[in-house]
């Protein structure tokens, strides 16, 4: 039921539906990025675009990092695609983003199909609250109320 859904992911999906309903499918991914950014602003959804996700390796932060299309509410990764059909590759990409960041929720949104496609992905880390300290790079870039 709708009442059980996370209101933040529900609002992001709603914004994406508005974009898809307005533009349809067939545009380049960059067009959907820009349109969704306008819609996030219109909906009052806090976000960071092209947000860097540091990769931790044996206690070190690597210089190479992932960049997620949007980080909304400081706790939801949003990856956009404009493909005819999603394959498992895109889902695996988002799961890697979740693992690298320590963030537990993501949305994979595809604007390339005749109907908007989206997947909610969650990574249950089953770690203690102390693990929040393993991601100081992300937290340093976010306002205090959005830190993970």
C-alpha atoms as a PDB file:
ATOM      1  CA  UNK A   1       0.000   0.000   0.000  1.00  0.00           C
ATOM      2  CA  UNK A   2       1.058   3.561  -0.559  1.00  0.00           C
ATOM      3  CA  UNK A   3       0.962   4.403   3.162  1.00  0.00           C
ATOM      4  CA  UNK A   4       3.812   1.971   3.840  1.00  0.00           C
ATOM      5  CA  UNK A   5       6.131   3.499   1.246  1.00  0.00           C
ATOM      6  CA  UNK A   6       9.007   5.746   2.148  1.00  0.00           C
ATOM      7  CA  UNK A   7       7.669   9.273   1.500  1.00  0.00           C
ATOM      8  CA  UNK A   8      11.032  10.518   0.230  1.00  0.00           C
ATOM      9  CA  UNK A   9      11.484   7.830  -2.430  1.00  0.00           C
ATOM     10  CA  UNK A  10       7.793   8.169  -3.294  1.00  0.00           C
ATOM     11  CA  UNK A  11       8.284  11.933  -3.909  1.00  0.00           C
ATOM     12  CA  UNK A  12      11.394  11.346  -6.056  1.00  0.00           C
ATOM     13  CA  UNK A  13       9.570   8.747  -8.157  1.00  0.00           C
ATOM     14  CA  UNK A  14       6.663  11.181  -8.514  1.00  0.00           C
ATOM     15  CA  UNK A  15       9.046  13.867  -9.781  1.00  0.00           C
ATOM     16  CA  UNK A  16      10.506  11.392 -12.289  1.00  0.00           C
ATOM     17  CA  UNK A  17       6.996  10.451 -13.447  1.00  0.00           C
ATOM     18  CA  UNK A  18       6.236  14.119 -14.078  1.00  0.00           C
ATOM     19  CA  UNK A  19       9.393  14.423 -16.183  1.00  0.00           C
ATOM     20  CA  UNK A  20       8.582  11.274 -18.172  1.00  0.00           C
ATOM     21  CA  UNK A  21       4.952  12.287 -18.662  1.00  0.00           C
ATOM     22  CA  UNK A  22       6.084  15.718 -19.920  1.00  0.00           C
ATOM     23  CA  UNK A  23       9.017  14.685 -22.149  1.00  0.00           C
ATOM     24  CA  UNK A  24       8.219  11.082 -23.003  1.00  0.00           C
ATOM     25  CA  UNK A  25      11.012   8.689 -23.940  1.00  0.00           C
ATOM     26  CA  UNK A  26      13.727   9.064 -26.576  1.00  0.00           C
ATOM     27  CA  UNK A  27      15.854  11.934 -25.288  1.00  0.00           C
ATOM     28  CA  UNK A  28      19.474  11.693 -24.195  1.00  0.00           C
ATOM     29  CA  UNK A  29      20.113  10.966 -20.540  1.00  0.00           C
ATOM     30  CA  UNK A  30      21.477  14.496 -20.011  1.00  0.00           C
ATOM     31  CA  UNK A  31      18.061  15.955 -20.907  1.00  0.00           C
ATOM     32  CA  UNK A  32      16.396  13.887 -18.186  1.00  0.00           C
ATOM     33  CA  UNK A  33      19.091  14.905 -15.685  1.00  0.00           C
ATOM     34  CA  UNK A  34      18.362  18.565 -16.256  1.00  0.00           C
ATOM     35  CA  UNK A  35      14.585  18.125 -16.292  1.00  0.00           C
ATOM     36  CA  UNK A  36      14.615  16.051 -13.093  1.00  0.00           C
ATOM     37  CA  UNK A  37      16.776  18.668 -11.408  1.00  0.00           C
ATOM     38  CA  UNK A  38      14.123  21.306 -12.217  1.00  0.00           C
ATOM     39  CA  UNK A  39      11.411  18.993 -10.873  1.00  0.00           C
ATOM     40  CA  UNK A  40      13.333  18.255  -7.646  1.00  0.00           C
ATOM     41  CA  UNK A  41      13.604  22.000  -7.038  1.00  0.00           C
ATOM     42  CA  UNK A  42       9.892  22.489  -7.793  1.00  0.00           C
ATOM     43  CA  UNK A  43       9.004  19.699  -5.333  1.00  0.00           C
ATOM     44  CA  UNK A  44      11.316  21.023  -2.616  1.00  0.00           C
ATOM     45  CA  UNK A  45      13.399  17.838  -2.585  1.00  0.00           C
ATOM     46  CA  UNK A  46      16.942  18.523  -1.307  1.00  0.00           C
ATOM     47  CA  UNK A  47      19.618  17.066  -3.573  1.00  0.00           C
ATOM     48  CA  UNK A  48      23.227  17.161  -4.714  1.00  0.00           C
ATOM     49  CA  UNK A  49      23.907  16.508  -8.402  1.00  0.00           C
ATOM     50  CA  UNK A  50      26.869  14.409  -9.631  1.00  0.00           C
ATOM     51  CA  UNK A  51      27.737  13.636  -6.028  1.00  0.00           C
ATOM     52  CA  UNK A  52      31.149  11.960  -5.533  1.00  0.00           C
ATOM     53  CA  UNK A  53      31.109   8.673  -3.631  1.00  0.00           C
ATOM     54  CA  UNK A  54      34.535   7.826  -2.212  1.00  0.00           C
ATOM     55  CA  UNK A  55      35.763   4.251  -2.434  1.00  0.00           C
ATOM     56  CA  UNK A  56      37.267   2.807   0.725  1.00  0.00           C
ATOM     57  CA  UNK A  57      40.009   0.206   0.359  1.00  0.00           C
ATOM     58  CA  UNK A  58      41.745  -1.344   3.367  1.00  0.00           C
ATOM     59  CA  UNK A  59      41.338   1.733   5.514  1.00  0.00           C
ATOM     60  CA  UNK A  60      42.249   4.198   2.766  1.00  0.00           C
ATOM     61  CA  UNK A  61      40.117   6.385   0.525  1.00  0.00           C
ATOM     62  CA  UNK A  62      41.046   5.840  -3.117  1.00  0.00           C
ATOM     63  CA  UNK A  63      41.544   8.840  -5.400  1.00  0.00           C
ATOM     64  CA  UNK A  64      39.117   7.315  -7.878  1.00  0.00           C
ATOM     65  CA  UNK A  65      35.489   7.755  -6.908  1.00  0.00           C
ATOM     66  CA  UNK A  66      32.043   7.022  -8.269  1.00  0.00           C
ATOM     67  CA  UNK A  67      29.695   9.862  -9.130  1.00  0.00           C
ATOM     68  CA  UNK A  68      26.034   9.233  -8.529  1.00  0.00           C
ATOM     69  CA  UNK A  69      23.589  11.284 -10.600  1.00  0.00           C
ATOM     70  CA  UNK A  70      21.745  12.621  -7.536  1.00  0.00           C
ATOM     71  CA  UNK A  71      21.973  12.236  -3.789  1.00  0.00           C
ATOM     72  CA  UNK A  72      18.574  13.233  -2.371  1.00  0.00           C
ATOM     73  CA  UNK A  73      17.841  13.988   1.277  1.00  0.00           C
ATOM     74  CA  UNK A  74      21.457  13.018   2.003  1.00  0.00           C
ATOM     75  CA  UNK A  75      20.404   9.371   2.132  1.00  0.00           C
ATOM     76  CA  UNK A  76      18.973   8.239  -1.222  1.00  0.00           C
ATOM     77  CA  UNK A  77      21.145   7.614  -4.279  1.00  0.00           C
ATOM     78  CA  UNK A  78      19.351   8.266  -7.574  1.00  0.00           C
ATOM     79  CA  UNK A  79      20.853   6.893 -10.788  1.00  0.00           C
ATOM     80  CA  UNK A  80      19.244   7.822 -14.112  1.00  0.00           C
ATOM     81  CA  UNK A  81      19.304   5.919 -17.388  1.00  0.00           C
ATOM     82  CA  UNK A  82      17.765   6.487 -20.825  1.00  0.00           C
ATOM     83  CA  UNK A  83      17.815   2.947 -22.226  1.00  0.00           C
ATOM     84  CA  UNK A  84      15.220   0.961 -24.144  1.00  0.00           C
ATOM     85  CA  UNK A  85      15.404  -1.664 -21.424  1.00  0.00           C
ATOM     86  CA  UNK A  86      17.284  -2.070 -18.160  1.00  0.00           C
ATOM     87  CA  UNK A  87      19.611  -5.026 -17.813  1.00  0.00           C
ATOM     88  CA  UNK A  88      21.259  -6.400 -14.702  1.00  0.00           C
ATOM     89  CA  UNK A  89      24.338  -4.278 -15.408  1.00  0.00           C
ATOM     90  CA  UNK A  90      22.673  -1.044 -14.314  1.00  0.00           C
ATOM     91  CA  UNK A  91      21.342  -2.619 -11.138  1.00  0.00           C
ATOM     92  CA  UNK A  92      24.818  -3.991 -10.330  1.00  0.00           C
ATOM     93  CA  UNK A  93      26.251  -0.493 -10.862  1.00  0.00           C
ATOM     94  CA  UNK A  94      23.856   0.970  -8.301  1.00  0.00           C
ATOM     95  CA  UNK A  95      24.587  -1.820  -5.821  1.00  0.00           C
ATOM     96  CA  UNK A  96      28.299  -0.968  -6.134  1.00  0.00           C
ATOM     97  CA  UNK A  97      27.415   2.666  -5.414  1.00  0.00           C
ATOM     98  CA  UNK A  98      25.549   1.569  -2.292  1.00  0.00           C
ATOM     99  CA  UNK A  99      28.469  -0.562  -1.109  1.00  0.00           C
ATOM    100  CA  UNK A 100      31.019   2.176  -1.811  1.00  0.00           C
ATOM    101  CA  UNK A 101      29.041   4.878  -0.050  1.00  0.00           C
ATOM    102  CA  UNK A 102      27.549   3.043   2.901  1.00  0.00           C
ATOM    103  CA  UNK A 103      24.183   4.525   1.962  1.00  0.00           C
ATOM    104  CA  UNK A 104      21.394   1.976   2.201  1.00  0.00           C
ATOM    105  CA  UNK A 105      18.748   3.189  -0.291  1.00  0.00           C
ATOM    106  CA  UNK A 106      18.833   3.903  -4.005  1.00  0.00           C
ATOM    107  CA  UNK A 107      16.542   4.431  -6.949  1.00  0.00           C
ATOM    108  CA  UNK A 108      17.420   3.321 -10.460  1.00  0.00           C
ATOM    109  CA  UNK A 109      15.216   5.271 -12.877  1.00  0.00           C
ATOM    110  CA  UNK A 110      15.002   4.591 -16.619  1.00  0.00           C
ATOM    111  CA  UNK A 111      13.437   7.236 -18.864  1.00  0.00           C
ATOM    112  CA  UNK A 112      14.189   5.390 -22.133  1.00  0.00           C
ATOM    113  CA  UNK A 113      11.197   3.038 -22.166  1.00  0.00           C
ATOM    114  CA  UNK A 114       7.665   4.021 -23.243  1.00  0.00           C
ATOM    115  CA  UNK A 115       6.631   3.806 -19.551  1.00  0.00           C
ATOM    116  CA  UNK A 116       8.896   5.043 -16.775  1.00  0.00           C
ATOM    117  CA  UNK A 117      10.842   2.178 -15.184  1.00  0.00           C
ATOM    118  CA  UNK A 118      12.226   2.393 -11.677  1.00  0.00           C
ATOM    119  CA  UNK A 119      13.695   0.053  -9.118  1.00  0.00           C
ATOM    120  CA  UNK A 120      14.089   0.620  -5.419  1.00  0.00           C
ATOM    121  CA  UNK A 121      17.313  -0.932  -4.200  1.00  0.00           C
ATOM    122  CA  UNK A 122      18.377  -1.364  -0.593  1.00  0.00           C
ATOM    123  CA  UNK A 123      21.601  -2.577   0.913  1.00  0.00           C
ATOM    124  CA  UNK A 124      21.141  -3.882   4.412  1.00  0.00           C
ATOM    125  CA  UNK A 125      24.597  -3.418   5.836  1.00  0.00           C
ATOM    126  CA  UNK A 126      23.755  -4.846   9.259  1.00  0.00           C
ATOM    127  CA  UNK A 127      26.490  -2.766  10.786  1.00  0.00           C
ATOM    128  CA  UNK A 128      26.528  -0.821  14.000  1.00  0.00           C
ATOM    129  CA  UNK A 129      25.919   2.894  14.207  1.00  0.00           C
ATOM    130  CA  UNK A 130      29.684   3.312  14.599  1.00  0.00           C
ATOM    131  CA  UNK A 131      30.074   2.602  10.882  1.00  0.00           C
ATOM    132  CA  UNK A 132      28.721   6.083  10.228  1.00  0.00           C
ATOM    133  CA  UNK A 133      32.244   7.242  11.071  1.00  0.00           C
ATOM    134  CA  UNK A 134      33.680   5.199   8.183  1.00  0.00           C
ATOM    135  CA  UNK A 135      32.238   7.703   5.707  1.00  0.00           C
ATOM    136  CA  UNK A 136      33.558  11.085   6.876  1.00  0.00           C
ATOM    137  CA  UNK A 137      34.110  12.270   3.281  1.00  0.00           C
ATOM    138  CA  UNK A 138      30.408  12.044   2.453  1.00  0.00           C
ATOM    139  CA  UNK A 139      29.353  13.533   5.772  1.00  0.00           C
ATOM    140  CA  UNK A 140      31.808  16.419   5.449  1.00  0.00           C
ATOM    141  CA  UNK A 141      30.120  17.530   2.220  1.00  0.00           C
ATOM    142  CA  UNK A 142      26.569  17.451   3.617  1.00  0.00           C
ATOM    143  CA  UNK A 143      24.683  19.755   5.961  1.00  0.00           C
ATOM    144  CA  UNK A 144      24.456  18.263   9.458  1.00  0.00           C
ATOM    145  CA  UNK A 145      20.763  17.322   9.108  1.00  0.00           C
ATOM    146  CA  UNK A 146      21.500  15.281   5.945  1.00  0.00           C
ATOM    147  CA  UNK A 147      24.546  13.343   7.174  1.00  0.00           C
ATOM    148  CA  UNK A 148      24.453   9.565   7.072  1.00  0.00           C
END
